[in-house]
Structures are given as C-alpha cells and as structure tokens.
C-alpha cells in the first residue's frame, strides 16, 4: 500500500534523504513474499536499492553534506519512498556526475557482476566466461565489465518470440556470443570454441537443466558460481564433472560480501570507484529500464514479475 508517513526527527548522526529513483529487483519481491534470507521487521518499506539526494544532516555527521548523492550501504534500507531519515553508516556517497539510473541500479547488480568476475578465477584478457540469464541486470553488467577488461563472454538466454532483438541488444553491449539454452546441447557449440577458449568461469543465476548444460562447456578445474536460482530447481552436477574434470562449485551473495567487508571500507571504495569510472567512460550503462511514477507502483510490480521482460522497472520518486 502507498501510505503517507511522518518523516522522523533528525538525530545527531542521521541524514535526511530525498529519494530520486529506486528499482524493483527479484530480491525485493522475495523479501515481500517472505522467502528471502533477509527479512525486514514489519511494518516495512520495500526496496533494497536506489539513489537519493541529501537534504539535511545531523550535527555529528562528517562524511555527507546537503546536495550529495547517496545509495544504500547494505540491503534492507527500504528505498521505495519519497523521503527518509537514515543513520549515516547506512549510506554510501556516490558521485553526482553519473546518470541517475546508473546510480539507482549501482549497489546490487553491477557490484555482484564485479565481484563474481574478480573473486573466483584469475581471468586475463582473451579468457572467456559463460553465463545464463545473460539479459538480467547482473548479466548485462557482466557483459560490459568483461568487455572493458578484454574478457570474452558466452551468453545464454531462454528462447523467446523477440529473440533476434534481444541478441542484437546484448551484442551492442559487448557480448561475444549469444546462444539459447537449447543450443547449449547442440554440436554447433563446438564452433564457438574454434575462436573462443573454453571458459574457466561459469556464472549461474538459473539452476536446473540450464546449469548442467552450461557446466559441460567449462574447462577442467573451472569454477561455477551460483548467485541466483530463477528456475527454482536444484543445481545438478554429473559425478564425472567432479572426478574427471575437478570442477569447483561456489556460491555468492552480495549481502554476505558486504557483511564480511563492513570494516574493510577500502575494498568497498575501490569497487565503487572502479564501477563509477566505467560508467563515466561509457563502458557500463544502466540496464534497460522502464521508468514508473511511484503512484503506479502496482503496474511496476506486476510488470517486474512477468516472464521474458528484459526491462527493469524503476520507481521515480
């Protein structure tokens, strides 16, 4: 429900923020459904991601001032609102010279893409990565960050009526190959590996058959990182992949990474700086977005849960 609430009184360490834009991500929906590992105490405001402008700061606030742009430092902030008063430590300052949609979608998908590319395999220019759900927010960020580092991407998407249009869009972002899940099982896949080395890293956001098929193309001793489970099916791995090819299976959750690095502000700052530099250079753009006024939140929520929608719903606040 859309409700009018009173803005809380500003404490010494608090920041009064006018929210500008906030996306609807799958994790936001899962939190509302009560199926996410992180649940806000009720009653709660939805939304884990977004960008706002600082209006006023408490007397003890040192790192922020009015006019600064801020994003959530962690999940659970409740960004689907026009205004909020938050403790300073729950906010991260971002440059005001990047596009508002890039800032609004910065803290979840690009950070996830950055970490899964950096933390599990040492990739060098010319190496390749294979990923499913390549048209997702993380998928689009992986394509662009990999391209900027000279890493090739093999991108798996579900077959759909407007497939040529989607392929064209992903290629424009810098994808090297776009294939459907069905094509993963076909002998023609060998043609790709004539010009592109077999991947050392596979990124899984789907689960089920898609994962098993993707794993077949991984190099021996390669790593598959699971960061989502859109098919709501388990990850199934043939025993032979473990014994004869010694593949590694890992998991990743951005919220957990932030918890573990809460005291390591240098790592957080380095990642945010690297992403903002890519945005400034035009090498990382916001995902395809549909902008919706907050009053029409129901339409945006319904659209975000439909299959084959490649456009992220963004609430304008």
Foldseek 3Di string as FASTA:
>chain_A
DDDDDDADDAAQQKWKWFFFKAFDDPVQVCQVVVNHPDHDPPPAATGFFGKTFTCCHHNNHDPDGGGWIKIFLFGRPRRLDRMHMDGPLRIDTADPPFDRLCRRPPQAQLLVLVCLVPPDDDDAAQAEEEEEPLLAQNNLNNQLVCVVRNYAYEYEYADDPPVVVSQVVSVVLRHPHYYYLVCLPPPCVVVVCVRGPQHLEYEYAAADPSQQSNLVRHAQQGEYEYEHHNPPYHHDYDVCCCPVRVYYYYYDYSNVVSVVCVVVVVVVVVSSVVSVVCSVVVSGDGRAADEDESVVVVVQVVLNPDPPDSHIYMYGD
